[in-house]
Amino acid sequence: MNPIRVTGQPRSMSLLLQDVPAFPGATFNAGIPESIGESARPLWFGNLQADWNPPRDGVLTGGAEQAGALKYTVSVTSTEDTVDLRLSLTNLSDRAWDQTIAFNCFSPIGVREVRDHECLRHWVGMQGKLVRLRSQPRKFGPRPAIQLYPVEGAPPWREIGFVRNFDCTPDGVHFEPWMAIESRDGRRTIATVSKPGLFLFQNRAYSCIHCGPTFGPLAPGRTGHGFTRLYLVQQPLKEWYARMRRELPAVRVEP
């Protein structure tokens, strides 16, 4: 079976995912990344214009740079039901960064079989158990459709500048570093998983899911690495979850 076709959009921090065996005829969108850099003051989509190189040996590469701020690169590989995103981030500023993020977006907005504005089929993990996201506490901020959540093992959300700025993160819950949407027929799953994961983000308006990886602290001139895997699988949620838990421990973050 052929791998998912991934296309970088010219001068944009975005990808199209097409020819997906589990979802024939569908096109998924991914903002990779929508925002990146120092957690407290990242550079947003539109402020950086990414260049994408022609695929070579099955690998799509791209990235962007802003002098005096940052440089990042993305390496994309795919199978018939996964897309792996390996990112590197270099601190080009004169400040040490205590915390870093890549705000990677995965959107099924154009795929009726998956999109879920009511959050009825969104799932997360909590200490090894599958949890329906809608059953968890919400804190409504200035943009009611948006919700952020802490990740198990990550710093408290108030210490993550990017998360704190949205003012919509509930206390008392911590999830595993992934978020998934079950298809309407219950036989397929899409998900985003990051390593190391820093926070989760969901936007009901666009039915998009995010699991933001971190690159760790970066001194001026230093480079860090992060990893995100997108799943688009012909598997029910429980089967996918068991598979993901088998696969992720073996994934190396650094190239």
Protein backbone atom coordinates (compact mmCIF):
# COMPACT_ATOMS: atom_id res chain seq x y z
CA MET A 1 0.00 0.00 0.00
CA ASN A 2 1.32 3.46 -0.89
CA PRO A 3 2.27 5.99 1.80
CA ILE A 4 0.13 9.04 2.51
CA ARG A 5 0.99 11.86 0.09
CA VAL A 6 2.24 14.94 1.96
CA THR A 7 2.60 18.26 0.16
CA GLY A 8 4.17 21.42 1.55
CA GLN A 9 2.27 24.59 0.71
CA PRO A 10 4.54 27.22 -0.93
CA ARG A 11 5.72 29.99 1.43
CA SER A 12 3.47 28.66 4.18
CA MET A 13 3.90 26.71 7.41
CA SER A 14 1.31 24.17 6.27
CA LEU A 15 0.93 20.72 4.75
CA LEU A 16 -1.77 18.84 2.86
CA LEU A 17 -2.26 15.13 3.58
CA GLN A 18 -3.90 13.27 0.69
CA ASP A 19 -4.29 9.75 -0.72
CA VAL A 20 -4.97 8.45 2.77
CA PRO A 21 -5.93 4.76 2.52
CA ALA A 22 -8.16 4.87 5.61
CA PHE A 23 -10.05 7.89 4.26
CA PRO A 24 -10.32 7.61 0.45
CA GLY A 25 -10.71 10.95 -1.31
CA ALA A 26 -10.15 13.00 1.86
CA THR A 27 -7.73 15.89 2.36
CA PHE A 28 -6.42 16.70 5.83
CA ASN A 29 -4.62 19.91 6.79
CA ALA A 30 -1.67 20.33 9.11
CA GLY A 31 -0.07 23.56 10.33
CA ILE A 32 3.50 22.48 10.99
CA PRO A 33 4.00 24.52 12.98
CA GLU A 34 1.34 27.17 13.55
CA SER A 35 3.69 28.76 16.07
CA ILE A 36 7.22 28.00 17.23
CA GLY A 37 9.96 29.31 19.46
CA GLU A 38 10.25 30.54 23.01
CA SER A 39 7.08 29.63 24.88
CA ALA A 40 6.40 33.13 26.18
CA ARG A 41 6.88 34.85 22.79
CA PRO A 42 6.76 32.42 19.84
CA LEU A 43 6.59 33.41 16.19
CA TRP A 44 3.16 32.75 14.68
CA PHE A 45 1.88 31.39 11.38
CA GLY A 46 2.16 34.15 8.78
CA ASN A 47 5.15 35.82 10.42
CA LEU A 48 7.42 33.14 9.00
CA GLN A 49 7.29 31.97 5.39
CA ALA A 50 8.41 28.37 5.13
CA ASP A 51 10.26 26.96 2.15
CA TRP A 52 9.60 23.33 1.18
CA ASN A 53 12.08 21.31 -0.85
CA PRO A 54 11.06 18.68 -3.41
CA PRO A 55 10.75 15.26 -1.71
CA ARG A 56 13.90 13.18 -1.88
CA ASP A 57 13.97 9.45 -1.14
CA GLY A 58 10.52 9.73 0.41
CA VAL A 59 11.45 12.60 2.75
CA LEU A 60 9.91 16.08 2.54
CA THR A 61 11.97 18.83 4.19
CA GLY A 62 11.33 22.47 4.89
CA GLY A 63 11.80 25.26 7.36
CA ALA A 64 12.11 28.97 7.95
CA GLU A 65 14.41 31.48 9.64
CA GLN A 66 14.12 34.96 11.10
CA ALA A 67 17.42 36.71 11.77
CA GLY A 68 18.02 37.43 15.44
CA ALA A 69 15.11 35.21 16.47
CA LEU A 70 15.06 31.55 15.42
CA LYS A 71 15.53 28.95 12.74
CA TYR A 72 13.58 25.74 12.44
CA THR A 73 13.54 22.74 10.12
CA VAL A 74 10.96 20.01 9.54
CA SER A 75 11.54 16.55 8.13
CA VAL A 76 8.40 14.66 7.05
CA THR A 77 8.09 10.94 6.33
CA SER A 78 4.92 8.90 5.89
CA THR A 79 3.59 5.37 5.75
CA GLU A 80 0.13 4.24 4.66
CA ASP A 81 -1.33 5.42 7.99
CA THR A 82 1.19 7.66 9.78
CA VAL A 83 3.00 10.94 9.16
CA ASP A 84 6.15 11.58 11.20
CA LEU A 85 7.30 15.15 11.78
CA ARG A 86 10.80 15.68 13.12
CA LEU A 87 11.48 19.28 14.01
CA SER A 88 14.62 21.11 15.05
CA LEU A 89 14.68 24.59 16.60
CA THR A 90 17.72 26.85 16.91
CA ASN A 91 17.81 29.88 19.21
CA LEU A 92 19.22 32.79 17.17
CA SER A 93 18.45 35.39 19.82
CA ASP A 94 20.74 36.74 22.52
CA ARG A 95 18.50 35.41 25.32
CA ALA A 96 18.39 32.01 26.96
CA TRP A 97 15.02 30.34 26.53
CA ASP A 98 13.78 28.43 29.57
CA GLN A 99 10.97 26.81 27.62
CA THR A 100 10.24 26.15 23.93
CA ILE A 101 7.28 24.94 21.86
CA ALA A 102 6.07 23.91 18.44
CA PHE A 103 2.33 24.43 18.05
CA ASN A 104 1.54 21.65 15.55
CA CYS A 105 -2.03 21.61 14.20
CA PHE A 106 -3.89 18.61 12.73
CA SER A 107 -7.26 19.46 11.19
CA PRO A 108 -9.98 17.25 9.65
CA ILE A 109 -12.22 20.26 8.95
CA GLY A 110 -12.84 19.12 5.36
CA VAL A 111 -13.46 15.46 6.25
CA ARG A 112 -17.07 14.85 7.25
CA GLU A 113 -16.37 11.31 8.50
CA VAL A 114 -14.09 12.74 11.21
CA ARG A 115 -14.76 16.38 12.06
CA ASP A 116 -16.44 16.81 15.42
CA HIS A 117 -17.41 20.36 16.37
CA GLU A 118 -19.50 19.10 19.30
CA CYS A 119 -16.51 17.24 20.79
CA LEU A 120 -18.54 14.01 21.01
CA ARG A 121 -15.76 11.81 19.55
CA HIS A 122 -12.64 13.48 20.95
CA TRP A 123 -10.54 11.30 23.24
CA VAL A 124 -7.54 11.70 25.54
CA GLY A 125 -5.59 9.41 27.87
CA MET A 126 -5.31 9.59 31.63
CA GLN A 127 -2.95 7.22 33.45
CA GLY A 128 -3.39 4.48 30.88
CA LYS A 129 -7.15 4.86 30.45
CA LEU A 130 -9.14 6.26 27.53
CA VAL A 131 -11.21 9.28 28.52
CA ARG A 132 -13.83 11.12 26.48
CA LEU A 133 -12.67 14.73 26.36
CA ARG A 134 -16.18 16.13 26.72
CA SER A 135 -16.45 14.46 30.14
CA GLN A 136 -13.54 16.51 31.50
CA PRO A 137 -13.64 19.97 33.11
CA ARG A 138 -13.50 23.03 30.88
CA LYS A 139 -12.45 26.56 31.67
CA PHE A 140 -13.95 29.09 29.28
CA GLY A 141 -11.68 31.93 28.29
CA PRO A 142 -12.01 34.86 25.87
CA ARG A 143 -12.45 32.41 22.94
CA PRO A 144 -15.01 29.85 24.15
CA ALA A 145 -14.33 27.30 21.38
CA ILE A 146 -10.71 26.87 22.52
CA GLN A 147 -9.50 24.60 25.31
CA LEU A 148 -5.98 23.80 26.53
CA TYR A 149 -4.95 20.99 28.87
CA PRO A 150 -1.75 20.08 30.76
CA VAL A 151 0.23 16.95 29.93
CA GLU A 152 1.33 14.35 32.46
CA GLY A 153 4.91 14.98 33.53
CA ALA A 154 5.06 18.47 31.99
CA PRO A 155 5.40 21.70 34.02
CA PRO A 156 2.22 23.15 35.56
CA TRP A 157 0.24 25.05 32.96
CA ARG A 158 0.76 28.40 34.70
CA GLU A 159 4.50 27.99 34.08
CA ILE A 160 3.99 27.59 30.31
CA GLY A 161 3.69 31.09 28.88
CA PHE A 162 2.02 29.97 25.67
CA VAL A 163 -0.69 28.08 27.56
CA ARG A 164 -1.17 30.73 30.25
CA ASN A 165 -1.82 33.43 27.65
CA PHE A 166 -5.03 31.74 26.44
CA ASP A 167 -6.55 31.76 29.96
CA CYS A 168 -8.63 28.64 29.34
CA THR A 169 -6.88 25.75 31.11
CA PRO A 170 -8.69 23.91 33.93
CA ASP A 171 -6.94 22.83 37.10
CA GLY A 172 -6.86 19.29 38.42
CA VAL A 173 -6.47 17.33 35.17
CA HIS A 174 -3.38 16.05 33.33
CA PHE A 175 -3.50 13.95 30.17
CA GLU A 176 -1.11 11.79 28.20
CA PRO A 177 0.66 13.58 25.32
CA TRP A 178 -1.87 12.79 22.60
CA MET A 179 -5.36 13.64 21.39
CA ALA A 180 -7.57 11.60 19.05
CA ILE A 181 -10.85 11.83 17.16
CA GLU A 182 -12.88 8.72 16.41
CA SER A 183 -14.61 8.51 13.03
CA ARG A 184 -18.40 8.58 12.84
CA ASP A 185 -18.50 4.87 12.00
CA GLY A 186 -16.26 4.02 14.96
CA ARG A 187 -13.90 1.99 12.77
CA ARG A 188 -11.21 4.62 12.11
CA THR A 189 -9.13 7.02 14.19
CA ILE A 190 -7.01 10.10 13.68
CA ALA A 191 -4.61 11.26 16.38
CA THR A 192 -1.66 13.50 17.12
CA VAL A 193 1.08 12.40 19.51
CA SER A 194 4.21 14.31 20.52
CA LYS A 195 7.45 13.44 22.25
CA PRO A 196 8.21 15.13 24.52
CA GLY A 197 4.71 16.59 24.81
CA LEU A 198 4.11 19.88 26.63
CA PHE A 199 0.37 20.65 26.30
CA LEU A 200 -2.83 19.75 24.44
CA PHE A 201 -5.02 22.19 22.51
CA GLN A 202 -8.44 21.74 20.95
CA ASN A 203 -10.53 24.16 18.91
CA ARG A 204 -14.15 23.17 18.35
CA ALA A 205 -14.63 25.81 15.67
CA TYR A 206 -12.17 24.00 13.37
CA SER A 207 -12.32 20.54 14.93
CA CYS A 208 -8.53 20.68 15.08
CA ILE A 209 -6.32 18.88 17.57
CA HIS A 210 -2.83 19.79 18.76
CA CYS A 211 -0.23 18.15 20.92
CA GLY A 212 2.61 20.63 21.32
CA PRO A 213 6.10 19.20 21.66
CA THR A 214 8.89 21.01 23.47
CA PHE A 215 12.56 21.33 22.52
CA GLY A 216 13.62 21.92 26.10
CA PRO A 217 15.57 24.98 27.31
CA LEU A 218 17.81 26.53 24.65
CA ALA A 219 20.75 28.84 25.20
CA PRO A 220 21.67 31.26 22.40
CA GLY A 221 22.99 29.32 19.41
CA ARG A 222 21.78 25.95 20.68
CA THR A 223 19.47 23.56 18.80
CA GLY A 224 16.82 21.26 20.21
CA HIS A 225 14.64 18.54 18.70
CA GLY A 226 10.98 17.53 18.91
CA PHE A 227 8.75 14.88 17.37
CA THR A 228 5.09 14.62 16.39
CA ARG A 229 3.36 11.63 14.78
CA LEU A 230 -0.02 11.95 13.07
CA TYR A 231 -2.09 8.78 12.85
CA LEU A 232 -4.80 8.25 10.20
CA VAL A 233 -5.66 4.61 10.76
CA GLN A 234 -8.20 1.98 9.82
CA GLN A 235 -8.47 0.96 13.47
CA PRO A 236 -11.02 1.55 16.22
CA LEU A 237 -9.84 3.77 19.05
CA LYS A 238 -8.90 0.97 21.47
CA GLU A 239 -6.84 -0.88 18.86
CA TRP A 240 -5.05 2.31 17.86
CA TYR A 241 -4.33 3.17 21.50
CA ALA A 242 -2.73 -0.23 22.17
CA ARG A 243 -0.65 0.15 19.01
CA MET A 244 0.48 3.67 19.87
CA ARG A 245 1.59 2.61 23.34
CA ARG A 246 3.69 -0.14 21.78
CA GLU A 247 5.28 2.08 19.15
CA LEU A 248 6.07 5.38 20.83
CA PRO A 249 8.65 4.20 23.40
CA ALA A 250 10.96 3.17 20.53
CA VAL A 251 10.76 6.50 18.72
CA ARG A 252 13.95 8.55 18.84
CA VAL A 253 13.39 12.30 19.08
CA GLU A 254 16.81 13.34 17.83
CA PRO A 255 17.67 12.61 14.17
